[in-house]
Amino acid sequence: MSSIWQRIERDRALTPEFRTCIERVYGERGRKALEAVDAGQVKRYRDFFIVVGRSDEYIVEGDFCTCSDFLFRGRECWHILAVRIAERTGLYESYDLWYQDTWKP
């Protein structure tokens, strides 16, 4: 699997081969991650990435996510996969802001 991540980083493209590989290896999590990237739900701020989920926005920093799947199971969730894909392909919205600056009281 690491070679496919290296290839997508080199090519900076989300090819059908990569999509198939992600779905085969990661199943439903991979499918959701690809859908999030396709829908523009991955956003990069100065401090970390945000992935817009069905009911909330989730902070992703490295191999950590604030979603309940990650917090309860301690494993890679689809939000983390979406960020990995987006980082390697450049398919994310970028904001020159700290995420906290976007919060409204």
PDB file of N, CA and C in Angstrom:
ATOM      1  N   MET A   1       0.816  -1.201   0.000  1.00  0.00           N
ATOM      2  CA  MET A   1       0.000   0.000   0.000  1.00  0.00           C
ATOM      3  C   MET A   1       0.856   1.261   0.000  1.00  0.00           C
ATOM      4  N   SER A   2       2.030   1.202   0.629  1.00  0.00           N
ATOM      5  CA  SER A   2       2.864   2.401   0.689  1.00  0.00           C
ATOM      6  C   SER A   2       3.281   2.867  -0.699  1.00  0.00           C
ATOM      7  N   SER A   3       3.469   1.945  -1.628  1.00  0.00           N
ATOM      8  CA  SER A   3       3.875   2.362  -2.967  1.00  0.00           C
ATOM      9  C   SER A   3       2.789   3.164  -3.675  1.00  0.00           C
ATOM     10  N   ILE A   4       1.532   2.850  -3.425  1.00  0.00           N
ATOM     11  CA  ILE A   4       0.449   3.623  -4.052  1.00  0.00           C
ATOM     12  C   ILE A   4       0.421   5.034  -3.475  1.00  0.00           C
ATOM     13  N   TRP A   5       0.684   5.186  -2.171  1.00  0.00           N
ATOM     14  CA  TRP A   5       0.746   6.524  -1.567  1.00  0.00           C
ATOM     15  C   TRP A   5       1.910   7.309  -2.160  1.00  0.00           C
ATOM     16  N   GLN A   6       3.025   6.642  -2.379  1.00  0.00           N
ATOM     17  CA  GLN A   6       4.183   7.316  -2.981  1.00  0.00           C
ATOM     18  C   GLN A   6       3.880   7.726  -4.421  1.00  0.00           C
ATOM     19  N   ARG A   7       3.182   6.867  -5.144  1.00  0.00           N
ATOM     20  CA  ARG A   7       2.855   7.186  -6.540  1.00  0.00           C
ATOM     21  C   ARG A   7       1.885   8.350  -6.643  1.00  0.00           C
ATOM     22  N   ILE A   8       0.894   8.381  -5.780  1.00  0.00           N
ATOM     23  CA  ILE A   8      -0.053   9.502  -5.851  1.00  0.00           C
ATOM     24  C   ILE A   8       0.636  10.802  -5.462  1.00  0.00           C
ATOM     25  N   GLU A   9       1.553  10.732  -4.519  1.00  0.00           N
ATOM     26  CA  GLU A   9       2.302  11.934  -4.141  1.00  0.00           C
ATOM     27  C   GLU A   9       3.176  12.411  -5.299  1.00  0.00           C
ATOM     28  N   ARG A  10       3.788  11.487  -5.998  1.00  0.00           N
ATOM     29  CA  ARG A  10       4.639  11.825  -7.140  1.00  0.00           C
ATOM     30  C   ARG A  10       3.796  12.402  -8.287  1.00  0.00           C
ATOM     31  N   ASP A  11       2.680  11.723  -8.604  1.00  0.00           N
ATOM     32  CA  ASP A  11       1.851  12.123  -9.745  1.00  0.00           C
ATOM     33  C   ASP A  11       0.877  13.249  -9.411  1.00  0.00           C
ATOM     34  N   ARG A  12       0.563  13.417  -8.121  1.00  0.00           N
ATOM     35  CA  ARG A  12      -0.408  14.422  -7.659  1.00  0.00           C
ATOM     36  C   ARG A  12      -1.718  14.314  -8.424  1.00  0.00           C
ATOM     37  N   ALA A  13      -2.172  13.063  -8.583  1.00  0.00           N
ATOM     38  CA  ALA A  13      -3.414  12.835  -9.321  1.00  0.00           C
ATOM     39  C   ALA A  13      -4.204  11.721  -8.660  1.00  0.00           C
ATOM     40  N   LEU A  14      -5.500  11.858  -8.709  1.00  0.00           N
ATOM     41  CA  LEU A  14      -6.410  10.856  -8.153  1.00  0.00           C
ATOM     42  C   LEU A  14      -6.918   9.997  -9.306  1.00  0.00           C
ATOM     43  N   THR A  15      -6.124   9.016  -9.681  1.00  0.00           N
ATOM     44  CA  THR A  15      -6.429   8.177 -10.840  1.00  0.00           C
ATOM     45  C   THR A  15      -7.458   7.112 -10.480  1.00  0.00           C
ATOM     46  N   PRO A  16      -8.110   6.531 -11.481  1.00  0.00           N
ATOM     47  CA  PRO A  16      -9.030   5.415 -11.217  1.00  0.00           C
ATOM     48  C   PRO A  16      -8.330   4.255 -10.509  1.00  0.00           C
ATOM     49  N   GLU A  17      -7.070   4.006 -10.838  1.00  0.00           N
ATOM     50  CA  GLU A  17      -6.312   2.937 -10.186  1.00  0.00           C
ATOM     51  C   GLU A  17      -6.173   3.217  -8.689  1.00  0.00           C
ATOM     52  N   PHE A  18      -5.852   4.450  -8.346  1.00  0.00           N
ATOM     53  CA  PHE A  18      -5.707   4.816  -6.944  1.00  0.00           C
ATOM     54  C   PHE A  18      -7.043   4.688  -6.216  1.00  0.00           C
ATOM     55  N   ARG A  19      -8.116   5.172  -6.841  1.00  0.00           N
ATOM     56  CA  ARG A  19      -9.445   5.070  -6.233  1.00  0.00           C
ATOM     57  C   ARG A  19      -9.811   3.620  -5.939  1.00  0.00           C
ATOM     58  N   THR A  20      -9.574   2.751  -6.910  1.00  0.00           N
ATOM     59  CA  THR A  20      -9.884   1.333  -6.738  1.00  0.00           C
ATOM     60  C   THR A  20      -9.063   0.731  -5.601  1.00  0.00           C
ATOM     61  N   CYS A  21      -7.809   1.072  -5.546  1.00  0.00           N
ATOM     62  CA  CYS A  21      -6.919   0.549  -4.507  1.00  0.00           C
ATOM     63  C   CYS A  21      -7.374   1.012  -3.118  1.00  0.00           C
ATOM     64  N   ILE A  22      -7.700   2.273  -2.981  1.00  0.00           N
ATOM     65  CA  ILE A  22      -8.163   2.816  -1.699  1.00  0.00           C
ATOM     66  C   ILE A  22      -9.439   2.111  -1.253  1.00  0.00           C
ATOM     67  N   GLU A  23     -10.390   1.946  -2.152  1.00  0.00           N
ATOM     68  CA  GLU A  23     -11.640   1.278  -1.790  1.00  0.00           C
ATOM     69  C   GLU A  23     -11.421  -0.197  -1.462  1.00  0.00           C
ATOM     70  N   ARG A  24     -10.518  -0.839  -2.172  1.00  0.00           N
ATOM     71  CA  ARG A  24     -10.247  -2.252  -1.910  1.00  0.00           C
ATOM     72  C   ARG A  24      -9.578  -2.437  -0.540  1.00  0.00           C
ATOM     73  N   VAL A  25      -8.606  -1.608  -0.230  1.00  0.00           N
ATOM     74  CA  VAL A  25      -7.858  -1.752   1.018  1.00  0.00           C
ATOM     75  C   VAL A  25      -8.641  -1.231   2.226  1.00  0.00           C
ATOM     76  N   TYR A  26      -9.327  -0.093   2.069  1.00  0.00           N
ATOM     77  CA  TYR A  26      -9.972   0.554   3.210  1.00  0.00           C
ATOM     78  C   TYR A  26     -11.491   0.387   3.252  1.00  0.00           C
ATOM     79  N   GLY A  27     -12.074  -0.198   2.233  1.00  0.00           N
ATOM     80  CA  GLY A  27     -13.511  -0.457   2.245  1.00  0.00           C
ATOM     81  C   GLY A  27     -14.350   0.799   2.335  1.00  0.00           C
ATOM     82  N   GLU A  28     -15.331   0.764   3.217  1.00  0.00           N
ATOM     83  CA  GLU A  28     -16.268   1.878   3.392  1.00  0.00           C
ATOM     84  C   GLU A  28     -15.556   3.166   3.802  1.00  0.00           C
ATOM     85  N   ARG A  29     -14.543   3.061   4.653  1.00  0.00           N
ATOM     86  CA  ARG A  29     -13.788   4.258   5.052  1.00  0.00           C
ATOM     87  C   ARG A  29     -13.112   4.901   3.844  1.00  0.00           C
ATOM     88  N   GLY A  30     -12.585   4.083   2.956  1.00  0.00           N
ATOM     89  CA  GLY A  30     -11.950   4.602   1.757  1.00  0.00           C
ATOM     90  C   GLY A  30     -12.939   5.280   0.830  1.00  0.00           C
ATOM     91  N   ARG A  31     -14.108   4.675   0.693  1.00  0.00           N
ATOM     92  CA  ARG A  31     -15.150   5.256  -0.163  1.00  0.00           C
ATOM     93  C   ARG A  31     -15.587   6.616   0.374  1.00  0.00           C
ATOM     94  N   LYS A  32     -15.808   6.697   1.688  1.00  0.00           N
ATOM     95  CA  LYS A  32     -16.211   7.969   2.300  1.00  0.00           C
ATOM     96  C   LYS A  32     -15.121   9.032   2.151  1.00  0.00           C
ATOM     97  N   ALA A  33     -13.874   8.620   2.312  1.00  0.00           N
ATOM     98  CA  ALA A  33     -12.762   9.558   2.172  1.00  0.00           C
ATOM     99  C   ALA A  33     -12.706  10.131   0.758  1.00  0.00           C
ATOM    100  N   LEU A  34     -12.851   9.265  -0.236  1.00  0.00           N
ATOM    101  CA  LEU A  34     -12.842   9.729  -1.626  1.00  0.00           C
ATOM    102  C   LEU A  34     -14.015  10.660  -1.901  1.00  0.00           C
ATOM    103  N   GLU A  35     -15.177  10.337  -1.368  1.00  0.00           N
ATOM    104  CA  GLU A  35     -16.348  11.207  -1.548  1.00  0.00           C
ATOM    105  C   GLU A  35     -16.107  12.579  -0.928  1.00  0.00           C
ATOM    106  N   ALA A  36     -15.470  12.618   0.245  1.00  0.00           N
ATOM    107  CA  ALA A  36     -15.186  13.894   0.908  1.00  0.00           C
ATOM    108  C   ALA A  36     -14.228  14.745   0.081  1.00  0.00           C
ATOM    109  N   VAL A  37     -13.213  14.115  -0.460  1.00  0.00           N
ATOM    110  CA  VAL A  37     -12.252  14.847  -1.303  1.00  0.00           C
ATOM    111  C   VAL A  37     -12.966  15.361  -2.554  1.00  0.00           C
ATOM    112  N   ASP A  38     -13.756  14.512  -3.189  1.00  0.00           N
ATOM    113  CA  ASP A  38     -14.486  14.911  -4.399  1.00  0.00           C
ATOM    114  C   ASP A  38     -15.450  16.067  -4.133  1.00  0.00           C
ATOM    115  N   ALA A  39     -16.045  16.088  -2.937  1.00  0.00           N
ATOM    116  CA  ALA A  39     -17.037  17.107  -2.594  1.00  0.00           C
ATOM    117  C   ALA A  39     -16.415  18.384  -2.034  1.00  0.00           C
ATOM    118  N   GLY A  40     -15.091  18.433  -1.939  1.00  0.00           N
ATOM    119  CA  GLY A  40     -14.436  19.631  -1.418  1.00  0.00           C
ATOM    120  C   GLY A  40     -14.611  19.812   0.079  1.00  0.00           C
ATOM    121  N   GLN A  41     -14.715  18.721   0.816  1.00  0.00           N
ATOM    122  CA  GLN A  41     -14.950  18.783   2.256  1.00  0.00           C
ATOM    123  C   GLN A  41     -13.670  18.800   3.083  1.00  0.00           C
ATOM    124  N   VAL A  42     -12.511  18.848   2.427  1.00  0.00           N
ATOM    125  CA  VAL A  42     -11.239  18.899   3.139  1.00  0.00           C
ATOM    126  C   VAL A  42     -10.699  20.323   3.039  1.00  0.00           C
ATOM    127  N   LYS A  43     -10.420  20.898   4.211  1.00  0.00           N
ATOM    128  CA  LYS A  43      -9.978  22.282   4.263  1.00  0.00           C
ATOM    129  C   LYS A  43      -8.690  22.380   5.078  1.00  0.00           C
ATOM    130  N   ARG A  44      -7.742  23.116   4.542  1.00  0.00           N
ATOM    131  CA  ARG A  44      -6.470  23.273   5.242  1.00  0.00           C
ATOM    132  C   ARG A  44      -6.367  24.683   5.806  1.00  0.00           C
ATOM    133  N   TYR A  45      -6.149  24.753   7.099  1.00  0.00           N
ATOM    134  CA  TYR A  45      -5.904  26.012   7.785  1.00  0.00           C
ATOM    135  C   TYR A  45      -4.428  26.057   8.154  1.00  0.00           C
ATOM    136  N   ARG A  46      -3.978  27.149   8.734  1.00  0.00           N
ATOM    137  CA  ARG A  46      -2.579  27.263   9.118  1.00  0.00           C
ATOM    138  C   ARG A  46      -2.174  26.198  10.141  1.00  0.00           C
ATOM    139  N   ASP A  47      -3.094  25.848  11.034  1.00  0.00           N
ATOM    140  CA  ASP A  47      -2.737  24.957  12.135  1.00  0.00           C
ATOM    141  C   ASP A  47      -3.054  23.488  11.895  1.00  0.00           C
ATOM    142  N   PHE A  48      -4.060  23.160  11.100  1.00  0.00           N
ATOM    143  CA  PHE A  48      -4.381  21.767  10.810  1.00  0.00           C
ATOM    144  C   PHE A  48      -5.449  21.681   9.730  1.00  0.00           C
ATOM    145  N   PHE A  49      -5.802  20.472   9.393  1.00  0.00           N
ATOM    146  CA  PHE A  49      -6.859  20.230   8.423  1.00  0.00           C
ATOM    147  C   PHE A  49      -8.197  20.069   9.138  1.00  0.00           C
ATOM    148  N   ILE A  50      -9.253  20.419   8.431  1.00  0.00           N
ATOM    149  CA  ILE A  50     -10.626  20.195   8.881  1.00  0.00           C
ATOM    150  C   ILE A  50     -11.321  19.371   7.804  1.00  0.00           C
ATOM    151  N   VAL A  51     -12.053  18.361   8.231  1.00  0.00           N
ATOM    152  CA  VAL A  51     -12.875  17.594   7.294  1.00  0.00           C
ATOM    153  C   VAL A  51     -14.310  17.778   7.722  1.00  0.00           C
ATOM    154  N   VAL A  52     -15.138  18.224   6.794  1.00  0.00           N
ATOM    155  CA  VAL A  52     -16.544  18.439   7.073  1.00  0.00           C
ATOM    156  C   VAL A  52     -17.256  17.098   6.954  1.00  0.00           C
ATOM    157  N   GLY A  53     -17.814  16.650   8.064  1.00  0.00           N
ATOM    158  CA  GLY A  53     -18.543  15.386   8.089  1.00  0.00           C
ATOM    159  C   GLY A  53     -20.039  15.611   7.939  1.00  0.00           C
ATOM    160  N   ARG A  54     -20.810  14.575   8.188  1.00  0.00           N
ATOM    161  CA  ARG A  54     -22.266  14.682   8.071  1.00  0.00           C
ATOM    162  C   ARG A  54     -22.868  15.608   9.114  1.00  0.00           C
ATOM    163  N   SER A  55     -22.331  15.577  10.342  1.00  0.00           N
ATOM    164  CA  SER A  55     -22.953  16.348  11.411  1.00  0.00           C
ATOM    165  C   SER A  55     -22.030  17.373  12.069  1.00  0.00           C
ATOM    166  N   ASP A  56     -20.758  17.395  11.695  1.00  0.00           N
ATOM    167  CA  ASP A  56     -19.815  18.297  12.347  1.00  0.00           C
ATOM    168  C   ASP A  56     -18.563  18.456  11.494  1.00  0.00           C
ATOM    169  N   GLU A  57     -17.684  19.345  11.936  1.00  0.00           N
ATOM    170  CA  GLU A  57     -16.363  19.477  11.338  1.00  0.00           C
ATOM    171  C   GLU A  57     -15.375  18.802  12.269  1.00  0.00           C
ATOM    172  N   TYR A  58     -14.434  18.054  11.694  1.00  0.00           N
ATOM    173  CA  TYR A  58     -13.481  17.298  12.500  1.00  0.00           C
ATOM    174  C   TYR A  58     -12.056  17.785  12.237  1.00  0.00           C
ATOM    175  N   ILE A  59     -11.317  17.980  13.305  1.00  0.00           N
ATOM    176  CA  ILE A  59      -9.931  18.407  13.216  1.00  0.00           C
ATOM    177  C   ILE A  59      -9.071  17.177  12.981  1.00  0.00           C
ATOM    178  N   VAL A  60      -8.210  17.260  11.975  1.00  0.00           N
ATOM    179  CA  VAL A  60      -7.268  16.186  11.682  1.00  0.00           C
ATOM    180  C   VAL A  60      -5.870  16.781  11.720  1.00  0.00           C
ATOM    181  N   GLU A  61      -5.050  16.191  12.562  1.00  0.00           N
ATOM    182  CA  GLU A  61      -3.669  16.631  12.665  1.00  0.00           C
ATOM    183  C   GLU A  61      -2.793  15.380  12.718  1.00  0.00           C
ATOM    184  N   GLY A  62      -2.050  15.154  11.645  1.00  0.00           N
ATOM    185  CA  GLY A  62      -1.240  13.944  11.563  1.00  0.00           C
ATOM    186  C   GLY A  62      -2.121  12.704  11.575  1.00  0.00           C
ATOM    187  N   ASP A  63      -1.862  11.814  12.515  1.00  0.00           N
ATOM    188  CA  ASP A  63      -2.650  10.584  12.635  1.00  0.00           C
ATOM    189  C   ASP A  63      -3.682  10.688  13.747  1.00  0.00           C
ATOM    190  N   PHE A  64      -4.187  11.895  14.009  1.00  0.00           N
ATOM    191  CA  PHE A  64      -5.189  12.120  15.048  1.00  0.00           C
ATOM    192  C   PHE A  64      -6.405  12.804  14.447  1.00  0.00           C
ATOM    193  N   CYS A  65      -7.594  12.395  14.913  1.00  0.00           N
ATOM    194  CA  CYS A  65      -8.838  13.028  14.477  1.00  0.00           C
ATOM    195  C   CYS A  65      -9.748  13.186  15.688  1.00  0.00           C
ATOM    196  N   THR A  66     -10.576  14.214  15.672  1.00  0.00           N
ATOM    197  CA  THR A  66     -11.490  14.460  16.791  1.00  0.00           C
ATOM    198  C   THR A  66     -12.821  13.735  16.650  1.00  0.00           C
ATOM    199  N   CYS A  67     -13.003  12.917  15.636  1.00  0.00           N
ATOM    200  CA  CYS A  67     -14.281  12.205  15.468  1.00  0.00           C
ATOM    201  C   CYS A  67     -14.405  11.071  16.486  1.00  0.00           C
ATOM    202  N   SER A  68     -15.625  10.650  16.746  1.00  0.00           N
ATOM    203  CA  SER A  68     -15.861   9.597  17.739  1.00  0.00           C
ATOM    204  C   SER A  68     -15.289   8.249  17.301  1.00  0.00           C
ATOM    205  N   ASP A  69     -15.282   7.970  15.999  1.00  0.00           N
ATOM    206  CA  ASP A  69     -14.708   6.707  15.520  1.00  0.00           C
ATOM    207  C   ASP A  69     -13.247   6.607  15.941  1.00  0.00           C
ATOM    208  N   PHE A  70     -12.499   7.664  15.715  1.00  0.00           N
ATOM    209  CA  PHE A  70     -11.085   7.655  16.106  1.00  0.00           C
ATOM    210  C   PHE A  70     -10.931   7.639  17.625  1.00  0.00           C
ATOM    211  N   LEU A  71     -11.704   8.462  18.322  1.00  0.00           N
ATOM    212  CA  LEU A  71     -11.542   8.574  19.771  1.00  0.00           C
ATOM    213  C   LEU A  71     -11.907   7.274  20.488  1.00  0.00           C
ATOM    214  N   PHE A  72     -12.937   6.567  20.024  1.00  0.00           N
ATOM    215  CA  PHE A  72     -13.355   5.334  20.682  1.00  0.00           C
ATOM    216  C   PHE A  72     -12.565   4.118  20.224  1.00  0.00           C
ATOM    217  N   ARG A  73     -12.241   4.066  18.950  1.00  0.00           N
ATOM    218  CA  ARG A  73     -11.560   2.882  18.423  1.00  0.00           C
ATOM    219  C   ARG A  73     -10.052   3.057  18.303  1.00  0.00           C
ATOM    220  N   GLY A  74      -9.587   4.308  18.309  1.00  0.00           N
ATOM    221  CA  GLY A  74      -8.157   4.566  18.228  1.00  0.00           C
ATOM    222  C   GLY A  74      -7.524   4.110  16.933  1.00  0.00           C
ATOM    223  N   ARG A  75      -8.280   4.174  15.864  1.00  0.00           N
ATOM    224  CA  ARG A  75      -7.754   3.720  14.580  1.00  0.00           C
ATOM    225  C   ARG A  75      -8.012   4.768  13.504  1.00  0.00           C
ATOM    226  N   GLU A  76      -7.438   4.543  12.376  1.00  0.00           N
ATOM    227  CA  GLU A  76      -7.546   5.453  11.246  1.00  0.00           C
ATOM    228  C   GLU A  76      -8.999   5.556  10.773  1.00  0.00           C
ATOM    229  N   CYS A  77      -9.549   6.746  10.811  1.00  0.00           N
ATOM    230  CA  CYS A  77     -10.926   6.981  10.366  1.00  0.00           C
ATOM    231  C   CYS A  77     -10.915   7.517   8.925  1.00  0.00           C
ATOM    232  N   TRP A  78     -12.101   7.681   8.364  1.00  0.00           N
ATOM    233  CA  TRP A  78     -12.167   8.146   6.985  1.00  0.00           C
ATOM    234  C   TRP A  78     -11.737   9.604   6.862  1.00  0.00           C
ATOM    235  N   HIS A  79     -11.823  10.375   7.940  1.00  0.00           N
ATOM    236  CA  HIS A  79     -11.377  11.774   7.898  1.00  0.00           C
ATOM    237  C   HIS A  79      -9.862  11.847   7.699  1.00  0.00           C
ATOM    238  N   ILE A  80      -9.126  10.980   8.410  1.00  0.00           N
ATOM    239  CA  ILE A  80      -7.666  10.921   8.260  1.00  0.00           C
ATOM    240  C   ILE A  80      -7.304  10.483   6.844  1.00  0.00           C
ATOM    241  N   LEU A  81      -8.012   9.494   6.321  1.00  0.00           N
ATOM    242  CA  LEU A  81      -7.756   9.047   4.945  1.00  0.00           C
ATOM    243  C   LEU A  81      -8.022  10.168   3.948  1.00  0.00           C
ATOM    244  N   ALA A  82      -9.099  10.922   4.163  1.00  0.00           N
ATOM    245  CA  ALA A  82      -9.426  12.033   3.259  1.00  0.00           C
ATOM    246  C   ALA A  82      -8.305  13.063   3.247  1.00  0.00           C
ATOM    247  N   VAL A  83      -7.742  13.362   4.414  1.00  0.00           N
ATOM    248  CA  VAL A  83      -6.641  14.325   4.485  1.00  0.00           C
ATOM    249  C   VAL A  83      -5.410  13.777   3.773  1.00  0.00           C
ATOM    250  N   ARG A  84      -5.101  12.502   3.973  1.00  0.00           N
ATOM    251  CA  ARG A  84      -3.947  11.907   3.273  1.00  0.00           C
ATOM    252  C   ARG A  84      -4.096  12.031   1.758  1.00  0.00           C
ATOM    253  N   ILE A  85      -5.276  11.736   1.273  1.00  0.00           N
ATOM    254  CA  ILE A  85      -5.534  11.832  -0.165  1.00  0.00           C
ATOM    255  C   ILE A  85      -5.411  13.284  -0.619  1.00  0.00           C
ATOM    256  N   ALA A  86      -6.057  14.182   0.117  1.00  0.00           N
ATOM    257  CA  ALA A  86      -6.065  15.597  -0.261  1.00  0.00           C
ATOM    258  C   ALA A  86      -4.660  16.201  -0.240  1.00  0.00           C
ATOM    259  N   GLU A  87      -3.871  15.854   0.778  1.00  0.00           N
ATOM    260  CA  GLU A  87      -2.501  16.374   0.859  1.00  0.00           C
ATOM    261  C   GLU A  87      -1.680  15.954  -0.350  1.00  0.00           C
ATOM    262  N   ARG A  88      -1.823  14.717  -0.749  1.00  0.00           N
ATOM    263  CA  ARG A  88      -0.999  14.181  -1.831  1.00  0.00           C
ATOM    264  C   ARG A  88      -1.455  14.644  -3.217  1.00  0.00           C
ATOM    265  N   THR A  89      -2.704  15.021  -3.330  1.00  0.00           N
ATOM    266  CA  THR A  89      -3.219  15.444  -4.631  1.00  0.00           C
ATOM    267  C   THR A  89      -3.388  16.958  -4.737  1.00  0.00           C
ATOM    268  N   GLY A  90      -3.366  17.641  -3.605  1.00  0.00           N
ATOM    269  CA  GLY A  90      -3.621  19.081  -3.603  1.00  0.00           C
ATOM    270  C   GLY A  90      -5.096  19.412  -3.715  1.00  0.00           C
ATOM    271  N   LEU A  91      -5.965  18.419  -3.526  1.00  0.00           N
ATOM    272  CA  LEU A  91      -7.408  18.616  -3.655  1.00  0.00           C
ATOM    273  C   LEU A  91      -8.032  19.001  -2.309  1.00  0.00           C
ATOM    274  N   TYR A  92      -7.763  20.235  -1.885  1.00  0.00           N
ATOM    275  CA  TYR A  92      -8.345  20.765  -0.656  1.00  0.00           C
ATOM    276  C   TYR A  92      -8.443  22.272  -0.788  1.00  0.00           C
ATOM    277  N   GLU A  93      -9.322  22.857   0.025  1.00  0.00           N
ATOM    278  CA  GLU A  93      -9.422  24.309   0.085  1.00  0.00           C
ATOM    279  C   GLU A  93      -8.413  24.785   1.114  1.00  0.00           C
ATOM    280  N   SER A  94      -7.716  25.852   0.801  1.00  0.00           N
ATOM    281  CA  SER A  94      -6.694  26.365   1.699  1.00  0.00           C
ATOM    282  C   SER A  94      -7.108  27.742   2.218  1.00  0.00           C
ATOM    283  N   TYR A  95      -6.951  27.926   3.532  1.00  0.00           N
ATOM    284  CA  TYR A  95      -7.292  29.190   4.176  1.00  0.00           C
ATOM    285  C   TYR A  95      -6.070  29.704   4.919  1.00  0.00           C
ATOM    286  N   ASP A  96      -5.711  30.937   4.686  1.00  0.00           N
ATOM    287  CA  ASP A  96      -4.573  31.538   5.371  1.00  0.00           C
ATOM    288  C   ASP A  96      -5.043  32.120   6.703  1.00  0.00           C
ATOM    289  N   LEU A  97      -5.603  31.247   7.530  1.00  0.00           N
ATOM    290  CA  LEU A  97      -6.147  31.612   8.834  1.00  0.00           C
ATOM    291  C   LEU A  97      -5.819  30.514   9.830  1.00  0.00           C
ATOM    292  N   TRP A  98      -5.814  30.880  11.094  1.00  0.00           N
ATOM    293  CA  TRP A  98      -5.798  29.869  12.142  1.00  0.00           C
ATOM    294  C   TRP A  98      -7.237  29.408  12.286  1.00  0.00           C
ATOM    295  N   TYR A  99      -7.463  28.145  12.479  1.00  0.00           N
ATOM    296  CA  TYR A  99      -8.827  27.625  12.553  1.00  0.00           C
ATOM    297  C   TYR A  99      -9.631  28.324  13.636  1.00  0.00           C
ATOM    298  N   GLN A 100      -9.007  28.623  14.771  1.00  0.00           N
ATOM    299  CA  GLN A 100      -9.742  29.282  15.851  1.00  0.00           C
ATOM    300  C   GLN A 100     -10.273  30.639  15.420  1.00  0.00           C
ATOM    301  N   ASP A 101      -9.627  31.289  14.450  1.00  0.00           N
ATOM    302  CA  ASP A 101     -10.096  32.591  13.969  1.00  0.00           C
ATOM    303  C   ASP A 101     -11.433  32.500  13.266  1.00  0.00           C
ATOM    304  N   THR A 102     -11.834  31.297  12.879  1.00  0.00           N
ATOM    305  CA  THR A 102     -13.092  31.132  12.156  1.00  0.00           C
ATOM    306  C   THR A 102     -14.266  30.909  13.094  1.00  0.00           C
ATOM    307  N   TRP A 103     -13.986  30.642  14.382  1.00  0.00           N
ATOM    308  CA  TRP A 103     -15.058  30.398  15.351  1.00  0.00           C
ATOM    309  C   TRP A 103     -15.755  31.702  15.686  1.00  0.00           C
ATOM    310  N   LYS A 104     -17.064  31.640  15.844  1.00  0.00           N
ATOM    311  CA  LYS A 104     -17.849  32.826  16.198  1.00  0.00           C
ATOM    312  C   LYS A 104     -18.518  32.585  17.542  1.00  0.00           C
ATOM    313  N   PRO A 105     -18.392  33.553  18.467  1.00  0.00           N
ATOM    314  CA  PRO A 105     -19.004  33.361  19.799  1.00  0.00           C
ATOM    315  C   PRO A 105     -20.520  33.388  19.748  1.00  0.00           C
TER     316      PRO A 105
END
